[in-house]
PDB file of N, CA and C in Angstrom:
ATOM      1  N   MET A   1      -6.804   6.127   1.221  1.00  0.00           N
ATOM      2  CA  MET A   1      -5.746   5.156   0.986  1.00  0.00           C
ATOM      3  C   MET A   1      -5.308   4.505   2.300  1.00  0.00           C
ATOM      4  N   ARG A   2      -5.474   5.219   3.421  1.00  0.00           N
ATOM      5  CA  ARG A   2      -5.087   4.619   4.698  1.00  0.00           C
ATOM      6  C   ARG A   2      -5.909   3.381   4.999  1.00  0.00           C
ATOM      7  N   ALA A   3      -7.222   3.485   4.785  1.00  0.00           N
ATOM      8  CA  ALA A   3      -8.096   2.334   5.051  1.00  0.00           C
ATOM      9  C   ALA A   3      -7.728   1.172   4.146  1.00  0.00           C
ATOM     10  N   TYR A   4      -7.418   1.460   2.879  1.00  0.00           N
ATOM     11  CA  TYR A   4      -7.012   0.414   1.928  1.00  0.00           C
ATOM     12  C   TYR A   4      -5.710  -0.236   2.382  1.00  0.00           C
ATOM     13  N   GLY A   5      -4.711   0.579   2.698  1.00  0.00           N
ATOM     14  CA  GLY A   5      -3.412   0.069   3.120  1.00  0.00           C
ATOM     15  C   GLY A   5      -3.480  -0.728   4.406  1.00  0.00           C
ATOM     16  N   ALA A   6      -4.393  -0.341   5.292  1.00  0.00           N
ATOM     17  CA  ALA A   6      -4.550  -1.037   6.579  1.00  0.00           C
ATOM     18  C   ALA A   6      -5.499  -2.228   6.483  1.00  0.00           C
ATOM     19  N   HIS A   7      -6.067  -2.439   5.299  1.00  0.00           N
ATOM     20  CA  HIS A   7      -7.060  -3.503   5.084  1.00  0.00           C
ATOM     21  C   HIS A   7      -8.220  -3.347   6.066  1.00  0.00           C
ATOM     22  N   ASP A   8      -8.609  -2.094   6.293  1.00  0.00           N
ATOM     23  CA  ASP A   8      -9.718  -1.780   7.193  1.00  0.00           C
ATOM     24  C   ASP A   8     -10.997  -1.725   6.363  1.00  0.00           C
ATOM     25  N   PHE A   9     -11.590  -2.887   6.167  1.00  0.00           N
ATOM     26  CA  PHE A   9     -12.730  -3.003   5.263  1.00  0.00           C
ATOM     27  C   PHE A   9     -13.969  -2.281   5.782  1.00  0.00           C
ATOM     28  N   GLU A  10     -14.123  -2.191   7.094  1.00  0.00           N
ATOM     29  CA  GLU A  10     -15.256  -1.455   7.652  1.00  0.00           C
ATOM     30  C   GLU A  10     -15.096   0.043   7.377  1.00  0.00           C
ATOM     31  N   ALA A  11     -13.884   0.554   7.490  1.00  0.00           N
ATOM     32  CA  ALA A  11     -13.642   1.965   7.170  1.00  0.00           C
ATOM     33  C   ALA A  11     -13.887   2.228   5.683  1.00  0.00           C
ATOM     34  N   ILE A  12     -13.463   1.296   4.832  1.00  0.00           N
ATOM     35  CA  ILE A  12     -13.726   1.436   3.394  1.00  0.00           C
ATOM     36  C   ILE A  12     -15.228   1.470   3.151  1.00  0.00           C
ATOM     37  N   ARG A  13     -15.962   0.550   3.752  1.00  0.00           N
ATOM     38  CA  ARG A  13     -17.418   0.492   3.594  1.00  0.00           C
ATOM     39  C   ARG A  13     -18.056   1.821   4.042  1.00  0.00           C
ATOM     40  N   ASN A  14     -17.552   2.397   5.127  1.00  0.00           N
ATOM     41  CA  ASN A  14     -18.127   3.636   5.656  1.00  0.00           C
ATOM     42  C   ASN A  14     -17.883   4.841   4.762  1.00  0.00           C
ATOM     43  N   LEU A  15     -16.907   4.766   3.867  1.00  0.00           N
ATOM     44  CA  LEU A  15     -16.658   5.845   2.918  1.00  0.00           C
ATOM     45  C   LEU A  15     -17.653   5.833   1.752  1.00  0.00           C
ATOM     46  N   MET A  16     -18.327   4.692   1.581  1.00  0.00           N
ATOM     47  CA  MET A  16     -19.183   4.473   0.416  1.00  0.00           C
ATOM     48  C   MET A  16     -20.650   4.799   0.706  1.00  0.00           C
ATOM     49  N   HIS A  17     -21.309   5.340  -0.309  1.00  0.00           N
ATOM     50  CA  HIS A  17     -22.771   5.417  -0.277  1.00  0.00           C
ATOM     51  C   HIS A  17     -23.284   3.986  -0.396  1.00  0.00           C
ATOM     52  N   PRO A  18     -24.380   3.634   0.243  1.00  0.00           N
ATOM     53  CA  PRO A  18     -24.870   2.251   0.160  1.00  0.00           C
ATOM     54  C   PRO A  18     -25.075   1.754  -1.271  1.00  0.00           C
ATOM     55  N   ASN A  19     -25.391   2.662  -2.210  1.00  0.00           N
ATOM     56  CA  ASN A  19     -25.646   2.268  -3.604  1.00  0.00           C
ATOM     57  C   ASN A  19     -24.498   2.630  -4.539  1.00  0.00           C
ATOM     58  N   VAL A  20     -23.298   2.753  -4.013  1.00  0.00           N
ATOM     59  CA  VAL A  20     -22.127   3.085  -4.813  1.00  0.00           C
ATOM     60  C   VAL A  20     -21.985   2.112  -5.982  1.00  0.00           C
ATOM     61  N   GLN A  21     -21.442   2.607  -7.090  1.00  0.00           N
ATOM     62  CA  GLN A  21     -21.146   1.757  -8.248  1.00  0.00           C
ATOM     63  C   GLN A  21     -19.689   1.939  -8.641  1.00  0.00           C
ATOM     64  N   TRP A  22     -18.991   0.812  -8.872  1.00  0.00           N
ATOM     65  CA  TRP A  22     -17.572   0.844  -9.259  1.00  0.00           C
ATOM     66  C   TRP A  22     -17.426   0.096 -10.575  1.00  0.00           C
ATOM     67  N   THR A  23     -17.005   0.812 -11.618  1.00  0.00           N
ATOM     68  CA  THR A  23     -16.763   0.183 -12.915  1.00  0.00           C
ATOM     69  C   THR A  23     -15.276  -0.030 -13.110  1.00  0.00           C
ATOM     70  N   LEU A  24     -14.960  -1.183 -13.689  1.00  0.00           N
ATOM     71  CA  LEU A  24     -13.580  -1.547 -13.995  1.00  0.00           C
ATOM     72  C   LEU A  24     -13.607  -2.261 -15.333  1.00  0.00           C
ATOM     73  N   PRO A  25     -12.752  -1.860 -16.303  1.00  0.00           N
ATOM     74  CA  PRO A  25     -12.834  -2.409 -17.660  1.00  0.00           C
ATOM     75  C   PRO A  25     -12.381  -3.861 -17.756  1.00  0.00           C
ATOM     76  N   GLY A  26     -12.678  -4.461 -18.896  1.00  0.00           N
ATOM     77  CA  GLY A  26     -12.164  -5.781 -19.219  1.00  0.00           C
ATOM     78  C   GLY A  26     -13.088  -6.923 -18.869  1.00  0.00           C
ATOM     79  N   ASN A  27     -12.502  -8.133 -18.895  1.00  0.00           N
ATOM     80  CA  ASN A  27     -13.241  -9.364 -18.647  1.00  0.00           C
ATOM     81  C   ASN A  27     -12.609 -10.211 -17.552  1.00  0.00           C
ATOM     82  N   GLY A  28     -11.809  -9.611 -16.691  1.00  0.00           N
ATOM     83  CA  GLY A  28     -11.230 -10.343 -15.571  1.00  0.00           C
ATOM     84  C   GLY A  28     -12.258 -10.540 -14.469  1.00  0.00           C
ATOM     85  N   ILE A  29     -11.878 -11.269 -13.440  1.00  0.00           N
ATOM     86  CA  ILE A  29     -12.832 -11.542 -12.354  1.00  0.00           C
ATOM     87  C   ILE A  29     -13.170 -10.288 -11.558  1.00  0.00           C
ATOM     88  N   ILE A  30     -12.397  -9.217 -11.700  1.00  0.00           N
ATOM     89  CA  ILE A  30     -12.715  -7.972 -11.010  1.00  0.00           C
ATOM     90  C   ILE A  30     -13.357  -6.947 -11.945  1.00  0.00           C
ATOM     91  N   SER A  31     -13.610  -7.316 -13.189  1.00  0.00           N
ATOM     92  CA  SER A  31     -14.157  -6.389 -14.190  1.00  0.00           C
ATOM     93  C   SER A  31     -15.658  -6.228 -14.042  1.00  0.00           C
ATOM     94  N   GLY A  32     -16.162  -5.188 -14.705  1.00  0.00           N
ATOM     95  CA  GLY A  32     -17.594  -4.942 -14.716  1.00  0.00           C
ATOM     96  C   GLY A  32     -17.959  -3.882 -13.695  1.00  0.00           C
ATOM     97  N   THR A  33     -19.229  -3.897 -13.308  1.00  0.00           N
ATOM     98  CA  THR A  33     -19.732  -2.917 -12.345  1.00  0.00           C
ATOM     99  C   THR A  33     -20.109  -3.612 -11.054  1.00  0.00           C
ATOM    100  N   ALA A  34     -19.459  -3.199  -9.974  1.00  0.00           N
ATOM    101  CA  ALA A  34     -19.824  -3.659  -8.630  1.00  0.00           C
ATOM    102  C   ALA A  34     -20.831  -2.644  -8.096  1.00  0.00           C
ATOM    103  N   VAL A  35     -21.977  -3.129  -7.646  1.00  0.00           N
ATOM    104  CA  VAL A  35     -23.041  -2.243  -7.171  1.00  0.00           C
ATOM    105  C   VAL A  35     -23.261  -2.481  -5.686  1.00  0.00           C
ATOM    106  N   GLY A  36     -23.152  -1.408  -4.918  1.00  0.00           N
ATOM    107  CA  GLY A  36     -23.368  -1.462  -3.481  1.00  0.00           C
ATOM    108  C   GLY A  36     -22.058  -1.543  -2.714  1.00  0.00           C
ATOM    109  N   ALA A  37     -22.085  -1.030  -1.487  1.00  0.00           N
ATOM    110  CA  ALA A  37     -20.880  -0.989  -0.661  1.00  0.00           C
ATOM    111  C   ALA A  37     -20.323  -2.383  -0.402  1.00  0.00           C
ATOM    112  N   ASP A  38     -21.181  -3.367  -0.187  1.00  0.00           N
ATOM    113  CA  ASP A  38     -20.692  -4.727   0.062  1.00  0.00           C
ATOM    114  C   ASP A  38     -19.964  -5.287  -1.152  1.00  0.00           C
ATOM    115  N   ALA A  39     -20.488  -5.018  -2.359  1.00  0.00           N
ATOM    116  CA  ALA A  39     -19.839  -5.494  -3.582  1.00  0.00           C
ATOM    117  C   ALA A  39     -18.498  -4.803  -3.792  1.00  0.00           C
ATOM    118  N   VAL A  40     -18.418  -3.519  -3.456  1.00  0.00           N
ATOM    119  CA  VAL A  40     -17.154  -2.794  -3.577  1.00  0.00           C
ATOM    120  C   VAL A  40     -16.125  -3.373  -2.611  1.00  0.00           C
ATOM    121  N   VAL A  41     -16.524  -3.616  -1.379  1.00  0.00           N
ATOM    122  CA  VAL A  41     -15.600  -4.192  -0.398  1.00  0.00           C
ATOM    123  C   VAL A  41     -15.162  -5.585  -0.835  1.00  0.00           C
ATOM    124  N   LYS A  42     -16.070  -6.360  -1.393  1.00  0.00           N
ATOM    125  CA  LYS A  42     -15.709  -7.698  -1.890  1.00  0.00           C
ATOM    126  C   LYS A  42     -14.646  -7.587  -2.986  1.00  0.00           C
ATOM    127  N   ARG A  43     -14.795  -6.627  -3.898  1.00  0.00           N
ATOM    128  CA  ARG A  43     -13.813  -6.432  -4.962  1.00  0.00           C
ATOM    129  C   ARG A  43     -12.469  -6.016  -4.373  1.00  0.00           C
ATOM    130  N   VAL A  44     -12.488  -5.107  -3.402  1.00  0.00           N
ATOM    131  CA  VAL A  44     -11.249  -4.682  -2.748  1.00  0.00           C
ATOM    132  C   VAL A  44     -10.555  -5.886  -2.108  1.00  0.00           C
ATOM    133  N   LYS A  45     -11.317  -6.745  -1.444  1.00  0.00           N
ATOM    134  CA  LYS A  45     -10.744  -7.943  -0.821  1.00  0.00           C
ATOM    135  C   LYS A  45     -10.121  -8.866  -1.864  1.00  0.00           C
ATOM    136  N   THR A  46     -10.757  -9.002  -3.019  1.00  0.00           N
ATOM    137  CA  THR A  46     -10.211  -9.830  -4.100  1.00  0.00           C
ATOM    138  C   THR A  46      -8.891  -9.253  -4.596  1.00  0.00           C
ATOM    139  N   ILE A  47      -8.840  -7.943  -4.777  1.00  0.00           N
ATOM    140  CA  ILE A  47      -7.624  -7.294  -5.256  1.00  0.00           C
ATOM    141  C   ILE A  47      -6.501  -7.458  -4.234  1.00  0.00           C
ATOM    142  N   ILE A  48      -6.779  -7.143  -2.996  1.00  0.00           N
ATOM    143  CA  ILE A  48      -5.760  -7.266  -1.952  1.00  0.00           C
ATOM    144  C   ILE A  48      -5.324  -8.722  -1.792  1.00  0.00           C
ATOM    145  N   GLY A  49      -6.281  -9.639  -1.832  1.00  0.00           N
ATOM    146  CA  GLY A  49      -5.983 -11.058  -1.665  1.00  0.00           C
ATOM    147  C   GLY A  49      -5.152 -11.647  -2.788  1.00  0.00           C
ATOM    148  N   SER A  50      -5.089 -10.954  -3.919  1.00  0.00           N
ATOM    149  CA  SER A  50      -4.312 -11.452  -5.057  1.00  0.00           C
ATOM    150  C   SER A  50      -2.850 -11.027  -4.989  1.00  0.00           C
ATOM    151  N   GLY A  51      -2.469 -10.333  -3.927  1.00  0.00           N
ATOM    152  CA  GLY A  51      -1.075  -9.943  -3.766  1.00  0.00           C
ATOM    153  C   GLY A  51      -0.684  -8.633  -4.407  1.00  0.00           C
ATOM    154  N   ILE A  52      -1.659  -7.842  -4.827  1.00  0.00           N
ATOM    155  CA  ILE A  52      -1.376  -6.564  -5.472  1.00  0.00           C
ATOM    156  C   ILE A  52      -0.744  -5.593  -4.477  1.00  0.00           C
ATOM    157  N   ARG A  53       0.309  -4.938  -4.915  1.00  0.00           N
ATOM    158  CA  ARG A  53       0.916  -3.833  -4.164  1.00  0.00           C
ATOM    159  C   ARG A  53       0.546  -2.544  -4.895  1.00  0.00           C
ATOM    160  N   THR A  54      -0.081  -1.628  -4.186  1.00  0.00           N
ATOM    161  CA  THR A  54      -0.550  -0.387  -4.789  1.00  0.00           C
ATOM    162  C   THR A  54       0.283   0.775  -4.267  1.00  0.00           C
ATOM    163  N   THR A  55       0.766   1.586  -5.200  1.00  0.00           N
ATOM    164  CA  THR A  55       1.515   2.787  -4.858  1.00  0.00           C
ATOM    165  C   THR A  55       0.718   4.001  -5.316  1.00  0.00           C
ATOM    166  N   LEU A  56       0.523   4.948  -4.424  1.00  0.00           N
ATOM    167  CA  LEU A  56      -0.165   6.191  -4.749  1.00  0.00           C
ATOM    168  C   LEU A  56       0.836   7.193  -5.303  1.00  0.00           C
ATOM    169  N   HIS A  57       0.563   7.680  -6.544  1.00  0.00           N
ATOM    170  CA  HIS A  57       1.401   8.723  -7.130  1.00  0.00           C
ATOM    171  C   HIS A  57       0.876  10.106  -6.733  1.00  0.00           C
ATOM    172  N   TYR A  58      -0.402  10.355  -7.049  1.00  0.00           N
ATOM    173  CA  TYR A  58      -0.985  11.665  -6.829  1.00  0.00           C
ATOM    174  C   TYR A  58      -2.445  11.534  -6.440  1.00  0.00           C
ATOM    175  N   VAL A  59      -2.933  12.531  -5.710  1.00  0.00           N
ATOM    176  CA  VAL A  59      -4.358  12.735  -5.488  1.00  0.00           C
ATOM    177  C   VAL A  59      -4.703  14.030  -6.199  1.00  0.00           C
ATOM    178  N   LEU A  60      -5.626  13.949  -7.145  1.00  0.00           N
ATOM    179  CA  LEU A  60      -6.042  15.109  -7.934  1.00  0.00           C
ATOM    180  C   LEU A  60      -7.455  15.491  -7.510  1.00  0.00           C
ATOM    181  N   ILE A  61      -7.643  16.747  -7.119  1.00  0.00           N
ATOM    182  CA  ILE A  61      -8.907  17.215  -6.572  1.00  0.00           C
ATOM    183  C   ILE A  61      -9.731  17.888  -7.662  1.00  0.00           C
ATOM    184  N   GLY A  62     -11.008  17.524  -7.732  1.00  0.00           N
ATOM    185  CA  GLY A  62     -11.921  18.128  -8.694  1.00  0.00           C
ATOM    186  C   GLY A  62     -13.125  18.729  -8.007  1.00  0.00           C
ATOM    187  N   GLN A  63     -14.029  19.269  -8.801  1.00  0.00           N
ATOM    188  CA  GLN A  63     -15.235  19.913  -8.283  1.00  0.00           C
ATOM    189  C   GLN A  63     -16.171  18.922  -7.607  1.00  0.00           C
ATOM    190  N   ASN A  64     -16.241  17.681  -8.150  1.00  0.00           N
ATOM    191  CA  ASN A  64     -17.204  16.695  -7.647  1.00  0.00           C
ATOM    192  C   ASN A  64     -16.554  15.447  -7.086  1.00  0.00           C
ATOM    193  N   GLY A  65     -15.269  15.536  -6.767  1.00  0.00           N
ATOM    194  CA  GLY A  65     -14.602  14.362  -6.229  1.00  0.00           C
ATOM    195  C   GLY A  65     -13.112  14.455  -6.411  1.00  0.00           C
ATOM    196  N   LEU A  66     -12.489  13.306  -6.594  1.00  0.00           N
ATOM    197  CA  LEU A  66     -11.049  13.275  -6.740  1.00  0.00           C
ATOM    198  C   LEU A  66     -10.631  12.085  -7.583  1.00  0.00           C
ATOM    199  N   THR A  67      -9.403  12.161  -8.077  1.00  0.00           N
ATOM    200  CA  THR A  67      -8.828  11.082  -8.867  1.00  0.00           C
ATOM    201  C   THR A  67      -7.533  10.643  -8.192  1.00  0.00           C
ATOM    202  N   LEU A  68      -7.373   9.330  -8.091  1.00  0.00           N
ATOM    203  CA  LEU A  68      -6.157   8.752  -7.546  1.00  0.00           C
ATOM    204  C   LEU A  68      -5.313   8.235  -8.709  1.00  0.00           C
ATOM    205  N   SER A  69      -4.087   8.726  -8.818  1.00  0.00           N
ATOM    206  CA  SER A  69      -3.132   8.217  -9.797  1.00  0.00           C
ATOM    207  C   SER A  69      -2.315   7.152  -9.078  1.00  0.00           C
ATOM    208  N   LEU A  70      -2.399   5.901  -9.574  1.00  0.00           N
ATOM    209  CA  LEU A  70      -1.857   4.747  -8.855  1.00  0.00           C
ATOM    210  C   LEU A  70      -0.984   3.877  -9.749  1.00  0.00           C
ATOM    211  N   HIS A  71      -0.187   3.044  -9.124  1.00  0.00           N
ATOM    212  CA  HIS A  71       0.547   1.990  -9.804  1.00  0.00           C
ATOM    213  C   HIS A  71       0.297   0.696  -9.052  1.00  0.00           C
ATOM    214  N   ASN A  72      -0.096  -0.342  -9.776  1.00  0.00           N
ATOM    215  CA  ASN A  72      -0.293  -1.675  -9.193  1.00  0.00           C
ATOM    216  C   ASN A  72       0.759  -2.613  -9.761  1.00  0.00           C
ATOM    217  N   ASN A  73       1.320  -3.457  -8.890  1.00  0.00           N
ATOM    218  CA  ASN A  73       2.191  -4.513  -9.401  1.00  0.00           C
ATOM    219  C   ASN A  73       2.095  -5.729  -8.498  1.00  0.00           C
ATOM    220  N   ALA A  74       2.330  -6.870  -9.128  1.00  0.00           N
ATOM    221  CA  ALA A  74       2.303  -8.148  -8.411  1.00  0.00           C
ATOM    222  C   ALA A  74       2.818  -9.230  -9.336  1.00  0.00           C
ATOM    223  N   THR A  75       3.288 -10.318  -8.719  1.00  0.00           N
ATOM    224  CA  THR A  75       3.631 -11.531  -9.449  1.00  0.00           C
ATOM    225  C   THR A  75       2.955 -12.683  -8.739  1.00  0.00           C
ATOM    226  N   ALA A  76       2.112 -13.404  -9.472  1.00  0.00           N
ATOM    227  CA  ALA A  76       1.397 -14.546  -8.904  1.00  0.00           C
ATOM    228  C   ALA A  76       2.338 -15.742  -8.778  1.00  0.00           C
ATOM    229  N   GLU A  77       1.953 -16.702  -7.960  1.00  0.00           N
ATOM    230  CA  GLU A  77       2.785 -17.899  -7.755  1.00  0.00           C
ATOM    231  C   GLU A  77       3.060 -18.643  -9.055  1.00  0.00           C
ATOM    232  N   ASP A  78       2.113 -18.579 -10.011  1.00  0.00           N
ATOM    233  CA  ASP A  78       2.298 -19.286 -11.278  1.00  0.00           C
ATOM    234  C   ASP A  78       3.046 -18.453 -12.317  1.00  0.00           C
ATOM    235  N   GLY A  79       3.546 -17.270 -11.919  1.00  0.00           N
ATOM    236  CA  GLY A  79       4.347 -16.448 -12.820  1.00  0.00           C
ATOM    237  C   GLY A  79       3.601 -15.331 -13.525  1.00  0.00           C
ATOM    238  N   ARG A  80       2.269 -15.283 -13.426  1.00  0.00           N
ATOM    239  CA  ARG A  80       1.531 -14.167 -14.034  1.00  0.00           C
ATOM    240  C   ARG A  80       1.981 -12.863 -13.389  1.00  0.00           C
ATOM    241  N   VAL A  81       2.123 -11.823 -14.215  1.00  0.00           N
ATOM    242  CA  VAL A  81       2.621 -10.534 -13.739  1.00  0.00           C
ATOM    243  C   VAL A  81       1.580  -9.456 -14.001  1.00  0.00           C
ATOM    244  N   LEU A  82       1.474  -8.557 -13.047  1.00  0.00           N
ATOM    245  CA  LEU A  82       0.655  -7.352 -13.206  1.00  0.00           C
ATOM    246  C   LEU A  82       1.567  -6.166 -12.920  1.00  0.00           C
ATOM    247  N   ASP A  83       1.639  -5.228 -13.843  1.00  0.00           N
ATOM    248  CA  ASP A  83       2.452  -4.029 -13.689  1.00  0.00           C
ATOM    249  C   ASP A  83       1.764  -2.942 -14.499  1.00  0.00           C
ATOM    250  N   GLU A  84       0.917  -2.152 -13.840  1.00  0.00           N
ATOM    251  CA  GLU A  84       0.067  -1.222 -14.577  1.00  0.00           C
ATOM    252  C   GLU A  84      -0.076   0.106 -13.853  1.00  0.00           C
ATOM    253  N   GLU A  85      -0.289   1.123 -14.655  1.00  0.00           N
ATOM    254  CA  GLU A  85      -0.675   2.438 -14.147  1.00  0.00           C
ATOM    255  C   GLU A  85      -2.192   2.511 -14.216  1.00  0.00           C
ATOM    256  N   LEU A  86      -2.786   3.224 -13.281  1.00  0.00           N
ATOM    257  CA  LEU A  86      -4.227   3.365 -13.317  1.00  0.00           C
ATOM    258  C   LEU A  86      -4.655   4.672 -12.700  1.00  0.00           C
ATOM    259  N   ALA A  87      -5.847   5.096 -13.082  1.00  0.00           N
ATOM    260  CA  ALA A  87      -6.495   6.247 -12.475  1.00  0.00           C
ATOM    261  C   ALA A  87      -7.833   5.766 -11.948  1.00  0.00           C
ATOM    262  N   THR A  88      -8.103   6.086 -10.707  1.00  0.00           N
ATOM    263  CA  THR A  88      -9.388   5.756 -10.106  1.00  0.00           C
ATOM    264  C   THR A  88     -10.075   7.070  -9.774  1.00  0.00           C
ATOM    265  N   VAL A  89     -11.215   7.298 -10.419  1.00  0.00           N
ATOM    266  CA  VAL A  89     -11.971   8.531 -10.273  1.00  0.00           C
ATOM    267  C   VAL A  89     -13.100   8.286  -9.275  1.00  0.00           C
ATOM    268  N   LEU A  90     -13.119   9.076  -8.219  1.00  0.00           N
ATOM    269  CA  LEU A  90     -14.115   8.947  -7.167  1.00  0.00           C
ATOM    270  C   LEU A  90     -15.061  10.136  -7.239  1.00  0.00           C
ATOM    271  N   THR A  91     -16.338   9.874  -7.477  1.00  0.00           N
ATOM    272  CA  THR A  91     -17.352  10.922  -7.460  1.00  0.00           C
ATOM    273  C   THR A  91     -17.967  10.935  -6.069  1.00  0.00           C
ATOM    274  N   VAL A  92     -18.002  12.115  -5.463  1.00  0.00           N
ATOM    275  CA  VAL A  92     -18.435  12.252  -4.085  1.00  0.00           C
ATOM    276  C   VAL A  92     -19.673  13.141  -4.019  1.00  0.00           C
ATOM    277  N   GLU A  93     -20.653  12.706  -3.252  1.00  0.00           N
ATOM    278  CA  GLU A  93     -21.825  13.529  -2.929  1.00  0.00           C
ATOM    279  C   GLU A  93     -21.942  13.546  -1.421  1.00  0.00           C
ATOM    280  N   GLY A  94     -22.046  14.760  -0.867  1.00  0.00           N
ATOM    281  CA  GLY A  94     -22.008  14.862   0.587  1.00  0.00           C
ATOM    282  C   GLY A  94     -20.625  14.424   1.028  1.00  0.00           C
ATOM    283  N   GLU A  95     -20.555  13.461   1.887  1.00  0.00           N
ATOM    284  CA  GLU A  95     -19.264  12.944   2.344  1.00  0.00           C
ATOM    285  C   GLU A  95     -19.069  11.481   1.966  1.00  0.00           C
ATOM    286  N   ARG A  96     -19.852  10.992   1.005  1.00  0.00           N
ATOM    287  CA  ARG A  96     -19.777   9.586   0.610  1.00  0.00           C
ATOM    288  C   ARG A  96     -19.414   9.444  -0.862  1.00  0.00           C
ATOM    289  N   ILE A  97     -18.684   8.386  -1.165  1.00  0.00           N
ATOM    290  CA  ILE A  97     -18.349   8.064  -2.551  1.00  0.00           C
ATOM    291  C   ILE A  97     -19.567   7.403  -3.183  1.00  0.00           C
ATOM    292  N   VAL A  98     -20.053   7.976  -4.286  1.00  0.00           N
ATOM    293  CA  VAL A  98     -21.238   7.437  -4.955  1.00  0.00           C
ATOM    294  C   VAL A  98     -20.883   6.691  -6.232  1.00  0.00           C
ATOM    295  N   LYS A  99     -19.700   6.977  -6.788  1.00  0.00           N
ATOM    296  CA  LYS A  99     -19.308   6.342  -8.040  1.00  0.00           C
ATOM    297  C   LYS A  99     -17.793   6.248  -8.100  1.00  0.00           C
ATOM    298  N   ILE A 100     -17.320   5.101  -8.602  1.00  0.00           N
ATOM    299  CA  ILE A 100     -15.888   4.882  -8.799  1.00  0.00           C
ATOM    300  C   ILE A 100     -15.711   4.384 -10.225  1.00  0.00           C
ATOM    301  N   ASP A 101     -14.829   5.030 -10.963  1.00  0.00           N
ATOM    302  CA  ASP A 101     -14.486   4.582 -12.315  1.00  0.00           C
ATOM    303  C   ASP A 101     -12.984   4.381 -12.353  1.00  0.00           C
ATOM    304  N   THR A 102     -12.554   3.182 -12.743  1.00  0.00           N
ATOM    305  CA  THR A 102     -11.131   2.888 -12.823  1.00  0.00           C
ATOM    306  C   THR A 102     -10.722   2.760 -14.286  1.00  0.00           C
ATOM    307  N   TYR A 103      -9.603   3.389 -14.625  1.00  0.00           N
ATOM    308  CA  TYR A 103      -9.035   3.381 -15.969  1.00  0.00           C
ATOM    309  C   TYR A 103      -7.647   2.751 -15.881  1.00  0.00           C
ATOM    310  N   LEU A 104      -7.380   1.759 -16.736  1.00  0.00           N
ATOM    311  CA  LEU A 104      -6.144   0.976 -16.676  1.00  0.00           C
ATOM    312  C   LEU A 104      -5.249   1.241 -17.883  1.00  0.00           C
ATOM    313  N   SER A 105      -3.945   1.146 -17.670  1.00  0.00           N
ATOM    314  CA  SER A 105      -2.993   1.316 -18.769  1.00  0.00           C
ATOM    315  C   SER A 105      -2.875   0.058 -19.622  1.00  0.00           C
ATOM    316  N   ASP A 106      -3.216  -1.109 -19.074  1.00  0.00           N
ATOM    317  CA  ASP A 106      -3.054  -2.365 -19.809  1.00  0.00           C
ATOM    318  C   ASP A 106      -4.156  -3.341 -19.404  1.00  0.00           C
ATOM    319  N   VAL A 107      -5.313  -3.213 -20.043  1.00  0.00           N
ATOM    320  CA  VAL A 107      -6.462  -4.061 -19.710  1.00  0.00           C
ATOM    321  C   VAL A 107      -6.158  -5.540 -19.957  1.00  0.00           C
ATOM    322  N   PRO A 108      -5.545  -5.929 -21.096  1.00  0.00           N
ATOM    323  CA  PRO A 108      -5.251  -7.353 -21.298  1.00  0.00           C
ATOM    324  C   PRO A 108      -4.357  -7.952 -20.203  1.00  0.00           C
ATOM    325  N   MET A 109      -3.403  -7.172 -19.701  1.00  0.00           N
ATOM    326  CA  MET A 109      -2.544  -7.669 -18.622  1.00  0.00           C
ATOM    327  C   MET A 109      -3.375  -7.940 -17.369  1.00  0.00           C
ATOM    328  N   MET A 110      -4.289  -7.025 -17.036  1.00  0.00           N
ATOM    329  CA  MET A 110      -5.160  -7.218 -15.882  1.00  0.00           C
ATOM    330  C   MET A 110      -6.017  -8.455 -16.079  1.00  0.00           C
ATOM    331  N   GLU A 111      -6.547  -8.637 -17.277  1.00  0.00           N
ATOM    332  CA  GLU A 111      -7.386  -9.807 -17.553  1.00  0.00           C
ATOM    333  C   GLU A 111      -6.611 -11.107 -17.367  1.00  0.00           C
ATOM    334  N   ARG A 112      -5.365 -11.134 -17.813  1.00  0.00           N
ATOM    335  CA  ARG A 112      -4.538 -12.332 -17.636  1.00  0.00           C
ATOM    336  C   ARG A 112      -4.247 -12.580 -16.156  1.00  0.00           C
ATOM    337  N   TYR A 113      -4.004 -11.509 -15.416  1.00  0.00           N
ATOM    338  CA  TYR A 113      -3.705 -11.665 -13.996  1.00  0.00           C
ATOM    339  C   TYR A 113      -4.950 -12.108 -13.224  1.00  0.00           C
ATOM    340  N   PHE A 114      -6.080 -11.516 -13.538  1.00  0.00           N
ATOM    341  CA  PHE A 114      -7.341 -11.853 -12.877  1.00  0.00           C
ATOM    342  C   PHE A 114      -8.195 -12.696 -13.824  1.00  0.00           C
ATOM    343  N   THR A 115      -7.739 -13.908 -14.099  1.00  0.00           N
ATOM    344  CA  THR A 115      -8.473 -14.790 -15.019  1.00  0.00           C
ATOM    345  C   THR A 115      -9.732 -15.313 -14.351  1.00  0.00           C
ATOM    346  N   LYS A 116     -10.726 -15.553 -15.195  1.00  0.00           N
ATOM    347  CA  LYS A 116     -12.004 -16.086 -14.695  1.00  0.00           C
ATOM    348  C   LYS A 116     -11.913 -17.577 -14.525  1.00  0.00           C
TER     349      LYS A 116
END
């Protein structure tokens, strides 16, 4: 979360396996599967660039990785609002993230905020 909060994209990239995959539900511009560290960093830049404020609730540790319990909120200049709870599950092999799965509390809200 430090690298994310500091917008340290090189540090974020270094946490990822080169072939990392990140799935995010819905049909917004950030939805689908981002494949590769560069695609993951591009998605992170899109999220940060949209004015999202992310609050970390908990870090949950598992056998093969960890889950981040988060809250995202933002209000776009045109009045669109994002206010959602989410869980981001990170699967780790060795010391690199190989898979990211994000689960959202309100997919339609995310789609409206991140319109195509």
